[in-house]
Amino acid sequence: MESTGLGATLRVWRDRLPPSAAGLPARRGRRTTGLRREELAELAGLSVDYVVRLEQGRATTPSPQVVTALARALQLDDDERDHLFRLAQLAPPGRAAVPRHITPGVQRALARLDGTAAVAVFAADWQLLWWNRTWAGLLGDPSGLPERWRNFALTGFLAEGGGRLAGWPVQSVEEASVRAAVVADLRRATGRYPRDRQLAAVVRQLCEGSEEFTALWATGAVGAHRADHKVVHHPVVGATTVDCDVLTDGEADLKIVIMTAAPGSEDESRLQLAALAGSLEGRAGGRVEAAGPA
């Protein structure tokens, strides 16, 4: 692991950055194409001795200010900067905004599940971004909802928006645990995106409008919502029990919610009938795939 530690990583990143990219004049007789330790120290505003000790592993706990200066001097991108913070045993700084971009590859992969699973993608603040036709068939098409009520947390806790994200009643088998997990997940998001105004607005609305949310928020719990079992009271196919799993898309913090039924069960047949209804509605209205920004 020494080759992937703080000191070794700093050396690799120093060696890859040519002086010209850092605005330093080219000098004859250089033995390296990257920055010298003296140059990195100058760019970061540190002593050469301290840079040497960091690279040799004799200094292992730099301050956040030092790590920030090194990341800036080495011209690291956000992922590299966060990695450097973690190597220094520090929490990465919060990013400015909640990511809301779904890559075309992810969309194509999720679209292949249509007909067998109800799939939707939510941002870190639980704002609905995308869904497939099976989701619309099983839960109702959300495309006619105002943007505000396409948020799972808001519709779950505020009485005026209760149930609006689904067109008909949906019950969680572990309702109390799910609601607590959503609150803990929102608190986790505020730590990662402390400057995101839309996320802050969601939390503020929930604190002002829901005593239950306020009580759960006061516990200070931090976590993530991972799994659930739900009963969807579909108006045509009847009560359908599904497994609900929440996957995350890496650093983007996108929540991929997938609802499936046990293979060979009556619930699977009902899910397939609901998917067919969603497909017919999608072809007629042309709305299902236009759920939000991708």
C-alpha atoms as a PDB file:
ATOM      1  CA  MET A   1       0.000   0.000   0.000  1.00  0.00           C
ATOM      2  CA  GLU A   2       3.013   2.303   0.251  1.00  0.00           C
ATOM      3  CA  SER A   3       2.813   2.952  -3.496  1.00  0.00           C
ATOM      4  CA  THR A   4      -0.730   4.318  -3.098  1.00  0.00           C
ATOM      5  CA  GLY A   5      -0.235   6.305   0.103  1.00  0.00           C
ATOM      6  CA  LEU A   6      -0.103  10.059   0.557  1.00  0.00           C
ATOM      7  CA  GLY A   7       3.599  10.510  -0.128  1.00  0.00           C
ATOM      8  CA  ALA A   8       3.713   8.244  -3.171  1.00  0.00           C
ATOM      9  CA  THR A   9       0.608   9.870  -4.654  1.00  0.00           C
ATOM     10  CA  LEU A  10       2.065  13.346  -4.232  1.00  0.00           C
ATOM     11  CA  ARG A  11       5.234  12.234  -6.053  1.00  0.00           C
ATOM     12  CA  VAL A  12       3.232  10.757  -8.942  1.00  0.00           C
ATOM     13  CA  TRP A  13       1.142  13.901  -9.347  1.00  0.00           C
ATOM     14  CA  ARG A  14       4.203  16.153  -9.039  1.00  0.00           C
ATOM     15  CA  ASP A  15       6.040  14.150 -11.708  1.00  0.00           C
ATOM     16  CA  ARG A  16       3.192  14.378 -14.206  1.00  0.00           C
ATOM     17  CA  LEU A  17       2.786  18.199 -14.107  1.00  0.00           C
ATOM     18  CA  PRO A  18       5.245  19.985 -16.448  1.00  0.00           C
ATOM     19  CA  PRO A  19       6.562  23.364 -15.242  1.00  0.00           C
ATOM     20  CA  SER A  20       5.063  25.104 -18.254  1.00  0.00           C
ATOM     21  CA  ALA A  21       1.566  24.022 -17.181  1.00  0.00           C
ATOM     22  CA  ALA A  22       2.202  25.652 -13.813  1.00  0.00           C
ATOM     23  CA  GLY A  23       3.406  28.880 -15.383  1.00  0.00           C
ATOM     24  CA  LEU A  24       7.073  28.284 -14.489  1.00  0.00           C
ATOM     25  CA  PRO A  25       9.880  29.092 -16.952  1.00  0.00           C
ATOM     26  CA  ALA A  26      11.619  26.222 -18.695  1.00  0.00           C
ATOM     27  CA  ARG A  27      15.167  25.633 -17.485  1.00  0.00           C
ATOM     28  CA  ARG A  28      17.930  23.802 -19.248  1.00  0.00           C
ATOM     29  CA  GLY A  29      19.431  20.687 -17.785  1.00  0.00           C
ATOM     30  CA  ARG A  30      16.293  19.430 -16.068  1.00  0.00           C
ATOM     31  CA  ARG A  31      16.419  15.747 -15.144  1.00  0.00           C
ATOM     32  CA  THR A  32      12.664  15.465 -14.740  1.00  0.00           C
ATOM     33  CA  THR A  33       9.719  16.484 -16.914  1.00  0.00           C
ATOM     34  CA  GLY A  34       7.570  17.234 -13.883  1.00  0.00           C
ATOM     35  CA  LEU A  35       7.808  19.700 -11.038  1.00  0.00           C
ATOM     36  CA  ARG A  36      10.693  19.704  -8.635  1.00  0.00           C
ATOM     37  CA  ARG A  37       9.968  19.612  -4.925  1.00  0.00           C
ATOM     38  CA  GLU A  38      11.194  23.186  -4.641  1.00  0.00           C
ATOM     39  CA  GLU A  39       8.760  24.288  -7.331  1.00  0.00           C
ATOM     40  CA  LEU A  40       5.806  22.501  -5.731  1.00  0.00           C
ATOM     41  CA  ALA A  41       6.684  24.049  -2.387  1.00  0.00           C
ATOM     42  CA  GLU A  42       6.802  27.509  -3.957  1.00  0.00           C
ATOM     43  CA  LEU A  43       3.477  27.064  -5.749  1.00  0.00           C
ATOM     44  CA  ALA A  44       1.759  25.746  -2.618  1.00  0.00           C
ATOM     45  CA  GLY A  45       3.323  28.255  -0.245  1.00  0.00           C
ATOM     46  CA  LEU A  46       5.023  25.550   1.833  1.00  0.00           C
ATOM     47  CA  SER A  47       8.560  24.906   2.942  1.00  0.00           C
ATOM     48  CA  VAL A  48      10.638  22.506   0.867  1.00  0.00           C
ATOM     49  CA  ASP A  49      11.432  20.510   4.007  1.00  0.00           C
ATOM     50  CA  TYR A  50       7.732  19.948   4.678  1.00  0.00           C
ATOM     51  CA  VAL A  51       7.112  18.754   1.110  1.00  0.00           C
ATOM     52  CA  VAL A  52      10.040  16.342   1.499  1.00  0.00           C
ATOM     53  CA  ARG A  53       8.635  15.001   4.761  1.00  0.00           C
ATOM     54  CA  LEU A  54       5.200  14.535   3.197  1.00  0.00           C
ATOM     55  CA  GLU A  55       6.596  12.599   0.243  1.00  0.00           C
ATOM     56  CA  GLN A  56       8.824  10.462   2.470  1.00  0.00           C
ATOM     57  CA  GLY A  57       5.960   9.603   4.797  1.00  0.00           C
ATOM     58  CA  ARG A  58       7.453  11.393   7.800  1.00  0.00           C
ATOM     59  CA  ALA A  59       4.529  13.846   7.843  1.00  0.00           C
ATOM     60  CA  THR A  60       1.162  12.117   7.436  1.00  0.00           C
ATOM     61  CA  THR A  61      -1.480  14.475   8.847  1.00  0.00           C
ATOM     62  CA  PRO A  62      -1.383  17.776   6.934  1.00  0.00           C
ATOM     63  CA  SER A  63      -4.061  20.356   7.698  1.00  0.00           C
ATOM     64  CA  PRO A  64      -7.008  20.991   5.353  1.00  0.00           C
ATOM     65  CA  GLN A  65      -5.354  24.279   4.344  1.00  0.00           C
ATOM     66  CA  VAL A  66      -2.169  22.469   3.316  1.00  0.00           C
ATOM     67  CA  VAL A  67      -4.066  19.812   1.342  1.00  0.00           C
ATOM     68  CA  THR A  68      -6.086  22.513  -0.411  1.00  0.00           C
ATOM     69  CA  ALA A  69      -2.889  24.368  -1.335  1.00  0.00           C
ATOM     70  CA  LEU A  70      -1.264  21.192  -2.675  1.00  0.00           C
ATOM     71  CA  ALA A  71      -4.375  20.297  -4.708  1.00  0.00           C
ATOM     72  CA  ARG A  72      -4.419  23.772  -6.237  1.00  0.00           C
ATOM     73  CA  ALA A  73      -0.683  23.707  -7.019  1.00  0.00           C
ATOM     74  CA  LEU A  74      -0.925  20.252  -8.586  1.00  0.00           C
ATOM     75  CA  GLN A  75      -4.035  21.286 -10.596  1.00  0.00           C
ATOM     76  CA  LEU A  76      -6.103  18.353  -9.351  1.00  0.00           C
ATOM     77  CA  ASP A  77      -9.678  17.843 -10.462  1.00  0.00           C
ATOM     78  CA  ASP A  78     -12.463  17.370  -7.897  1.00  0.00           C
ATOM     79  CA  ASP A  79     -12.113  13.583  -7.661  1.00  0.00           C
ATOM     80  CA  GLU A  80      -8.343  13.780  -7.238  1.00  0.00           C
ATOM     81  CA  ARG A  81      -8.679  16.537  -4.653  1.00  0.00           C
ATOM     82  CA  ASP A  82     -11.159  14.464  -2.660  1.00  0.00           C
ATOM     83  CA  HIS A  83      -8.832  11.465  -2.871  1.00  0.00           C
ATOM     84  CA  LEU A  84      -5.941  13.568  -1.561  1.00  0.00           C
ATOM     85  CA  PHE A  85      -8.074  14.667   1.397  1.00  0.00           C
ATOM     86  CA  ARG A  86      -8.924  11.069   2.219  1.00  0.00           C
ATOM     87  CA  LEU A  87      -5.271  10.015   2.010  1.00  0.00           C
ATOM     88  CA  ALA A  88      -4.551  12.760   4.541  1.00  0.00           C
ATOM     89  CA  GLN A  89      -7.315  11.284   6.765  1.00  0.00           C
ATOM     90  CA  LEU A  90      -9.507  14.346   6.224  1.00  0.00           C
ATOM     91  CA  ALA A  91     -13.092  14.698   5.058  1.00  0.00           C
ATOM     92  CA  PRO A  92     -13.271  16.082   1.494  1.00  0.00           C
ATOM     93  CA  PRO A  93     -14.810  19.555   1.226  1.00  0.00           C
ATOM     94  CA  GLY A  94     -18.464  19.720   0.260  1.00  0.00           C
ATOM     95  CA  ARG A  95     -19.228  20.219  -3.401  1.00  0.00           C
ATOM     96  CA  ALA A  96     -21.215  23.205  -4.554  1.00  0.00           C
ATOM     97  CA  ALA A  97     -24.291  21.575  -6.081  1.00  0.00           C
ATOM     98  CA  VAL A  98     -26.177  18.296  -6.075  1.00  0.00           C
ATOM     99  CA  PRO A  99     -25.384  16.460  -9.339  1.00  0.00           C
ATOM    100  CA  ARG A 100     -28.399  16.020 -11.598  1.00  0.00           C
ATOM    101  CA  HIS A 101     -26.810  14.637 -14.774  1.00  0.00           C
ATOM    102  CA  ILE A 102     -27.566  11.084 -15.888  1.00  0.00           C
ATOM    103  CA  THR A 103     -25.105   9.810 -18.477  1.00  0.00           C
ATOM    104  CA  PRO A 104     -26.509   8.338 -21.712  1.00  0.00           C
ATOM    105  CA  GLY A 105     -24.861   4.999 -20.876  1.00  0.00           C
ATOM    106  CA  VAL A 106     -26.670   4.748 -17.557  1.00  0.00           C
ATOM    107  CA  GLN A 107     -29.951   5.646 -19.224  1.00  0.00           C
ATOM    108  CA  ARG A 108     -29.452   2.948 -21.875  1.00  0.00           C
ATOM    109  CA  ALA A 109     -28.612   0.337 -19.251  1.00  0.00           C
ATOM    110  CA  LEU A 110     -31.670   1.188 -17.155  1.00  0.00           C
ATOM    111  CA  ALA A 111     -33.951   1.325 -20.192  1.00  0.00           C
ATOM    112  CA  ARG A 112     -33.144  -2.356 -20.854  1.00  0.00           C
ATOM    113  CA  LEU A 113     -34.940  -3.225 -17.605  1.00  0.00           C
ATOM    114  CA  ASP A 114     -38.214  -1.838 -18.921  1.00  0.00           C
ATOM    115  CA  GLY A 115     -40.934  -4.482 -18.792  1.00  0.00           C
ATOM    116  CA  THR A 116     -39.291  -6.438 -15.963  1.00  0.00           C
ATOM    117  CA  ALA A 117     -38.580  -3.744 -13.358  1.00  0.00           C
ATOM    118  CA  ALA A 118     -39.919  -0.332 -12.412  1.00  0.00           C
ATOM    119  CA  VAL A 119     -36.887   1.981 -12.403  1.00  0.00           C
ATOM    120  CA  ALA A 120     -36.447   5.637 -11.454  1.00  0.00           C
ATOM    121  CA  VAL A 121     -33.460   7.873 -10.788  1.00  0.00           C
ATOM    122  CA  PHE A 122     -33.417  10.447  -7.992  1.00  0.00           C
ATOM    123  CA  ALA A 123     -30.850  13.120  -7.119  1.00  0.00           C
ATOM    124  CA  ALA A 124     -29.231  13.315  -3.674  1.00  0.00           C
ATOM    125  CA  ASP A 125     -32.086  15.567  -2.481  1.00  0.00           C
ATOM    126  CA  TRP A 126     -34.630  12.935  -3.619  1.00  0.00           C
ATOM    127  CA  GLN A 127     -35.772  14.942  -6.635  1.00  0.00           C
ATOM    128  CA  LEU A 128     -37.083  12.624  -9.365  1.00  0.00           C
ATOM    129  CA  LEU A 129     -34.984  12.948 -12.543  1.00  0.00           C
ATOM    130  CA  TRP A 130     -35.937  10.011 -14.796  1.00  0.00           C
ATOM    131  CA  TRP A 131     -38.187   6.940 -14.892  1.00  0.00           C
ATOM    132  CA  ASN A 132     -39.044   4.157 -17.292  1.00  0.00           C
ATOM    133  CA  ARG A 133     -42.460   3.158 -18.644  1.00  0.00           C
ATOM    134  CA  THR A 134     -42.811   0.302 -16.153  1.00  0.00           C
ATOM    135  CA  TRP A 135     -42.466   2.797 -13.288  1.00  0.00           C
ATOM    136  CA  ALA A 136     -45.228   4.912 -14.854  1.00  0.00           C
ATOM    137  CA  GLY A 137     -47.402   1.850 -15.335  1.00  0.00           C
ATOM    138  CA  LEU A 138     -46.919   0.548 -11.784  1.00  0.00           C
ATOM    139  CA  LEU A 139     -47.091   3.832  -9.857  1.00  0.00           C
ATOM    140  CA  GLY A 140     -48.710   6.294 -12.258  1.00  0.00           C
ATOM    141  CA  ASP A 141     -47.080   8.704 -14.683  1.00  0.00           C
ATOM    142  CA  PRO A 142     -45.408  11.576 -12.744  1.00  0.00           C
ATOM    143  CA  SER A 143     -44.876  13.783 -15.798  1.00  0.00           C
ATOM    144  CA  GLY A 144     -48.021  15.785 -15.100  1.00  0.00           C
ATOM    145  CA  LEU A 145     -46.863  16.735 -11.602  1.00  0.00           C
ATOM    146  CA  PRO A 146     -45.351  20.142 -10.826  1.00  0.00           C
ATOM    147  CA  GLU A 147     -41.567  19.930 -10.340  1.00  0.00           C
ATOM    148  CA  ARG A 148     -41.879  20.519  -6.588  1.00  0.00           C
ATOM    149  CA  TRP A 149     -44.025  17.431  -6.058  1.00  0.00           C
ATOM    150  CA  ARG A 150     -41.605  15.178  -7.901  1.00  0.00           C
ATOM    151  CA  ASN A 151     -39.560  15.036  -4.705  1.00  0.00           C
ATOM    152  CA  PHE A 152     -39.918  11.809  -2.720  1.00  0.00           C
ATOM    153  CA  ALA A 153     -39.058  13.442   0.623  1.00  0.00           C
ATOM    154  CA  LEU A 154     -41.496  16.334   0.215  1.00  0.00           C
ATOM    155  CA  THR A 155     -44.414  14.165  -0.889  1.00  0.00           C
ATOM    156  CA  GLY A 156     -43.662  11.673   1.861  1.00  0.00           C
ATOM    157  CA  PHE A 157     -43.761  14.101   4.795  1.00  0.00           C
ATOM    158  CA  LEU A 158     -45.894  17.081   3.821  1.00  0.00           C
ATOM    159  CA  ALA A 159     -49.629  16.482   4.137  1.00  0.00           C
ATOM    160  CA  GLU A 160     -50.525  18.665   1.164  1.00  0.00           C
ATOM    161  CA  GLY A 161     -48.307  16.601  -1.130  1.00  0.00           C
ATOM    162  CA  GLY A 162     -48.749  13.202   0.511  1.00  0.00           C
ATOM    163  CA  GLY A 163     -48.838  10.393  -2.037  1.00  0.00           C
ATOM    164  CA  ARG A 164     -48.602  12.653  -5.073  1.00  0.00           C
ATOM    165  CA  LEU A 165     -45.466  11.018  -6.420  1.00  0.00           C
ATOM    166  CA  ALA A 166     -47.562   7.866  -6.896  1.00  0.00           C
ATOM    167  CA  GLY A 167     -50.954   7.959  -8.541  1.00  0.00           C
ATOM    168  CA  TRP A 168     -52.458   5.524  -6.002  1.00  0.00           C
ATOM    169  CA  PRO A 169     -51.658   4.233  -2.487  1.00  0.00           C
ATOM    170  CA  VAL A 170     -48.262   2.644  -1.881  1.00  0.00           C
ATOM    171  CA  GLN A 171     -47.460   1.074   1.499  1.00  0.00           C
ATOM    172  CA  SER A 172     -43.994   0.271   2.830  1.00  0.00           C
ATOM    173  CA  VAL A 173     -43.754  -2.907   4.897  1.00  0.00           C
ATOM    174  CA  GLU A 174     -41.311  -1.111   7.216  1.00  0.00           C
ATOM    175  CA  GLU A 175     -42.826   2.356   6.971  1.00  0.00           C
ATOM    176  CA  ALA A 176     -41.200   3.859  10.081  1.00  0.00           C
ATOM    177  CA  SER A 177     -37.741   2.572   9.154  1.00  0.00           C
ATOM    178  CA  VAL A 178     -38.032   3.893   5.607  1.00  0.00           C
ATOM    179  CA  ARG A 179     -39.070   7.372   6.750  1.00  0.00           C
ATOM    180  CA  ALA A 180     -36.211   7.530   9.259  1.00  0.00           C
ATOM    181  CA  ALA A 181     -33.774   6.351   6.566  1.00  0.00           C
ATOM    182  CA  VAL A 182     -34.896   9.063   4.135  1.00  0.00           C
ATOM    183  CA  VAL A 183     -34.293  11.752   6.777  1.00  0.00           C
ATOM    184  CA  ALA A 184     -30.856  10.327   7.615  1.00  0.00           C
ATOM    185  CA  ASP A 185     -30.062  10.214   3.901  1.00  0.00           C
ATOM    186  CA  LEU A 186     -31.010  13.887   3.491  1.00  0.00           C
ATOM    187  CA  ARG A 187     -28.736  14.832   6.394  1.00  0.00           C
ATOM    188  CA  ARG A 188     -25.922  12.927   4.696  1.00  0.00           C
ATOM    189  CA  ALA A 189     -26.563  14.936   1.521  1.00  0.00           C
ATOM    190  CA  THR A 190     -26.344  18.252   3.397  1.00  0.00           C
ATOM    191  CA  GLY A 191     -22.871  17.262   4.553  1.00  0.00           C
ATOM    192  CA  ARG A 192     -21.736  16.545   0.999  1.00  0.00           C
ATOM    193  CA  TYR A 193     -23.462  19.565  -0.584  1.00  0.00           C
ATOM    194  CA  PRO A 194     -23.646  22.250   2.126  1.00  0.00           C
ATOM    195  CA  ARG A 195     -23.961  25.063  -0.423  1.00  0.00           C
ATOM    196  CA  ASP A 196     -26.755  23.599  -2.574  1.00  0.00           C
ATOM    197  CA  ARG A 197     -29.707  25.982  -2.325  1.00  0.00           C
ATOM    198  CA  GLN A 198     -32.339  23.564  -3.614  1.00  0.00           C
ATOM    199  CA  LEU A 199     -31.324  20.922  -1.052  1.00  0.00           C
ATOM    200  CA  ALA A 200     -31.377  23.541   1.724  1.00  0.00           C
ATOM    201  CA  ALA A 201     -34.854  24.633   0.584  1.00  0.00           C
ATOM    202  CA  VAL A 202     -36.162  21.047   0.729  1.00  0.00           C
ATOM    203  CA  VAL A 203     -34.889  20.591   4.292  1.00  0.00           C
ATOM    204  CA  ARG A 204     -36.285  23.971   5.344  1.00  0.00           C
ATOM    205  CA  GLN A 205     -39.740  23.187   3.913  1.00  0.00           C
ATOM    206  CA  LEU A 206     -39.776  19.827   5.659  1.00  0.00           C
ATOM    207  CA  CYS A 207     -38.712  21.287   9.007  1.00  0.00           C
ATOM    208  CA  GLU A 208     -41.377  23.981   8.757  1.00  0.00           C
ATOM    209  CA  GLY A 209     -44.161  21.723   7.519  1.00  0.00           C
ATOM    210  CA  SER A 210     -43.709  18.355   9.247  1.00  0.00           C
ATOM    211  CA  GLU A 211     -43.419  17.679  12.967  1.00  0.00           C
ATOM    212  CA  GLU A 212     -42.457  14.076  12.222  1.00  0.00           C
ATOM    213  CA  PHE A 213     -39.601  15.161   9.976  1.00  0.00           C
ATOM    214  CA  THR A 214     -38.437  17.725  12.551  1.00  0.00           C
ATOM    215  CA  ALA A 215     -38.343  15.067  15.276  1.00  0.00           C
ATOM    216  CA  LEU A 216     -36.398  12.631  13.086  1.00  0.00           C
ATOM    217  CA  TRP A 217     -34.048  15.412  11.933  1.00  0.00           C
ATOM    218  CA  ALA A 218     -33.328  16.311  15.580  1.00  0.00           C
ATOM    219  CA  THR A 219     -31.859  12.838  16.189  1.00  0.00           C
ATOM    220  CA  GLY A 220     -28.878  13.761  13.995  1.00  0.00           C
ATOM    221  CA  ALA A 221     -28.853  10.351  12.309  1.00  0.00           C
ATOM    222  CA  VAL A 222     -26.757  10.058   9.136  1.00  0.00           C
ATOM    223  CA  GLY A 223     -27.205   7.171   6.735  1.00  0.00           C
ATOM    224  CA  ALA A 224     -28.634   5.981   3.447  1.00  0.00           C
ATOM    225  CA  HIS A 225     -31.896   4.409   2.311  1.00  0.00           C
ATOM    226  CA  ARG A 226     -31.000   1.040   0.748  1.00  0.00           C
ATOM    227  CA  ALA A 227     -33.950  -1.373   0.563  1.00  0.00           C
ATOM    228  CA  ASP A 228     -37.651  -1.792   1.266  1.00  0.00           C
ATOM    229  CA  HIS A 229     -40.660  -3.966   0.486  1.00  0.00           C
ATOM    230  CA  LYS A 230     -43.737  -2.198  -0.842  1.00  0.00           C
ATOM    231  CA  VAL A 231     -47.353  -3.012  -1.646  1.00  0.00           C
ATOM    232  CA  VAL A 232     -48.671  -1.010  -4.596  1.00  0.00           C
ATOM    233  CA  HIS A 233     -52.468  -0.809  -4.662  1.00  0.00           C
ATOM    234  CA  HIS A 234     -52.811  -0.594  -8.432  1.00  0.00           C
ATOM    235  CA  PRO A 235     -56.327   0.395  -9.598  1.00  0.00           C
ATOM    236  CA  VAL A 236     -56.324  -2.135 -12.467  1.00  0.00           C
ATOM    237  CA  VAL A 237     -54.044  -5.089 -11.637  1.00  0.00           C
ATOM    238  CA  GLY A 238     -54.637  -5.051  -7.876  1.00  0.00           C
ATOM    239  CA  ALA A 239     -52.300  -5.098  -4.870  1.00  0.00           C
ATOM    240  CA  THR A 240     -48.751  -5.866  -6.038  1.00  0.00           C
ATOM    241  CA  THR A 241     -45.902  -6.628  -3.629  1.00  0.00           C
ATOM    242  CA  VAL A 242     -42.461  -5.612  -4.868  1.00  0.00           C
ATOM    243  CA  ASP A 243     -38.913  -5.505  -3.560  1.00  0.00           C
ATOM    244  CA  CYS A 244     -37.492  -1.996  -3.678  1.00  0.00           C
ATOM    245  CA  ASP A 245     -33.712  -1.613  -3.845  1.00  0.00           C
ATOM    246  CA  VAL A 246     -31.835   1.693  -3.900  1.00  0.00           C
ATOM    247  CA  LEU A 247     -28.476   1.715  -5.684  1.00  0.00           C
ATOM    248  CA  THR A 248     -26.132   4.700  -5.887  1.00  0.00           C
ATOM    249  CA  ASP A 249     -24.261   5.910  -8.953  1.00  0.00           C
ATOM    250  CA  GLY A 250     -20.821   6.511  -7.443  1.00  0.00           C
ATOM    251  CA  GLU A 251     -19.668  10.047  -6.763  1.00  0.00           C
ATOM    252  CA  ALA A 252     -22.681  11.528  -8.545  1.00  0.00           C
ATOM    253  CA  ASP A 253     -24.863  10.412  -5.601  1.00  0.00           C
ATOM    254  CA  LEU A 254     -27.679   9.491  -7.960  1.00  0.00           C
ATOM    255  CA  LYS A 255     -30.163   7.074  -6.390  1.00  0.00           C
ATOM    256  CA  ILE A 256     -31.302   4.348  -8.762  1.00  0.00           C
ATOM    257  CA  VAL A 257     -34.530   2.880  -7.364  1.00  0.00           C
ATOM    258  CA  ILE A 258     -35.450  -0.540  -8.772  1.00  0.00           C
ATOM    259  CA  MET A 259     -38.728  -2.336  -7.995  1.00  0.00           C
ATOM    260  CA  THR A 260     -39.014  -6.017  -8.875  1.00  0.00           C
ATOM    261  CA  ALA A 261     -41.313  -8.904  -7.987  1.00  0.00           C
ATOM    262  CA  ALA A 262     -40.420 -12.472  -7.051  1.00  0.00           C
ATOM    263  CA  PRO A 263     -39.909 -14.592 -10.226  1.00  0.00           C
ATOM    264  CA  GLY A 264     -42.855 -16.776 -11.127  1.00  0.00           C
ATOM    265  CA  SER A 265     -45.156 -15.140  -8.593  1.00  0.00           C
ATOM    266  CA  GLU A 266     -48.577 -13.580  -9.112  1.00  0.00           C
ATOM    267  CA  ASP A 267     -46.951 -10.273  -8.194  1.00  0.00           C
ATOM    268  CA  GLU A 268     -44.595 -10.649 -11.159  1.00  0.00           C
ATOM    269  CA  SER A 269     -47.577 -11.177 -13.463  1.00  0.00           C
ATOM    270  CA  ARG A 270     -49.254  -8.070 -12.044  1.00  0.00           C
ATOM    271  CA  LEU A 271     -46.040  -6.076 -12.511  1.00  0.00           C
ATOM    272  CA  GLN A 272     -45.848  -7.165 -16.153  1.00  0.00           C
ATOM    273  CA  LEU A 273     -49.482  -6.152 -16.709  1.00  0.00           C
ATOM    274  CA  ALA A 274     -48.763  -2.775 -15.121  1.00  0.00           C
ATOM    275  CA  ALA A 275     -45.702  -2.438 -17.371  1.00  0.00           C
ATOM    276  CA  LEU A 276     -47.908  -3.091 -20.410  1.00  0.00           C
ATOM    277  CA  ALA A 277     -50.271  -0.360 -19.265  1.00  0.00           C
ATOM    278  CA  GLY A 278     -47.324   2.000 -18.914  1.00  0.00           C
ATOM    279  CA  SER A 279     -46.068   1.146 -22.390  1.00  0.00           C
ATOM    280  CA  LEU A 280     -49.454   1.882 -23.934  1.00  0.00           C
ATOM    281  CA  GLU A 281     -49.649   5.201 -22.092  1.00  0.00           C
ATOM    282  CA  GLY A 282     -46.110   6.071 -23.133  1.00  0.00           C
ATOM    283  CA  ARG A 283     -46.833   5.486 -26.809  1.00  0.00           C
ATOM    284  CA  ALA A 284     -50.086   7.437 -26.635  1.00  0.00           C
ATOM    285  CA  GLY A 285     -48.903  10.411 -24.609  1.00  0.00           C
ATOM    286  CA  GLY A 286     -45.202  10.414 -25.381  1.00  0.00           C
ATOM    287  CA  ARG A 287     -44.447  11.700 -21.891  1.00  0.00           C
ATOM    288  CA  VAL A 288     -42.863   8.925 -19.888  1.00  0.00           C
ATOM    289  CA  GLU A 289     -39.255   9.301 -20.990  1.00  0.00           C
ATOM    290  CA  ALA A 290     -39.250  13.097 -20.634  1.00  0.00           C
ATOM    291  CA  ALA A 291     -39.022  13.012 -16.868  1.00  0.00           C
ATOM    292  CA  GLY A 292     -36.313  15.573 -16.347  1.00  0.00           C
ATOM    293  CA  PRO A 293     -32.803  16.676 -17.251  1.00  0.00           C
ATOM    294  CA  ALA A 294     -30.428  13.920 -18.171  1.00  0.00           C
END
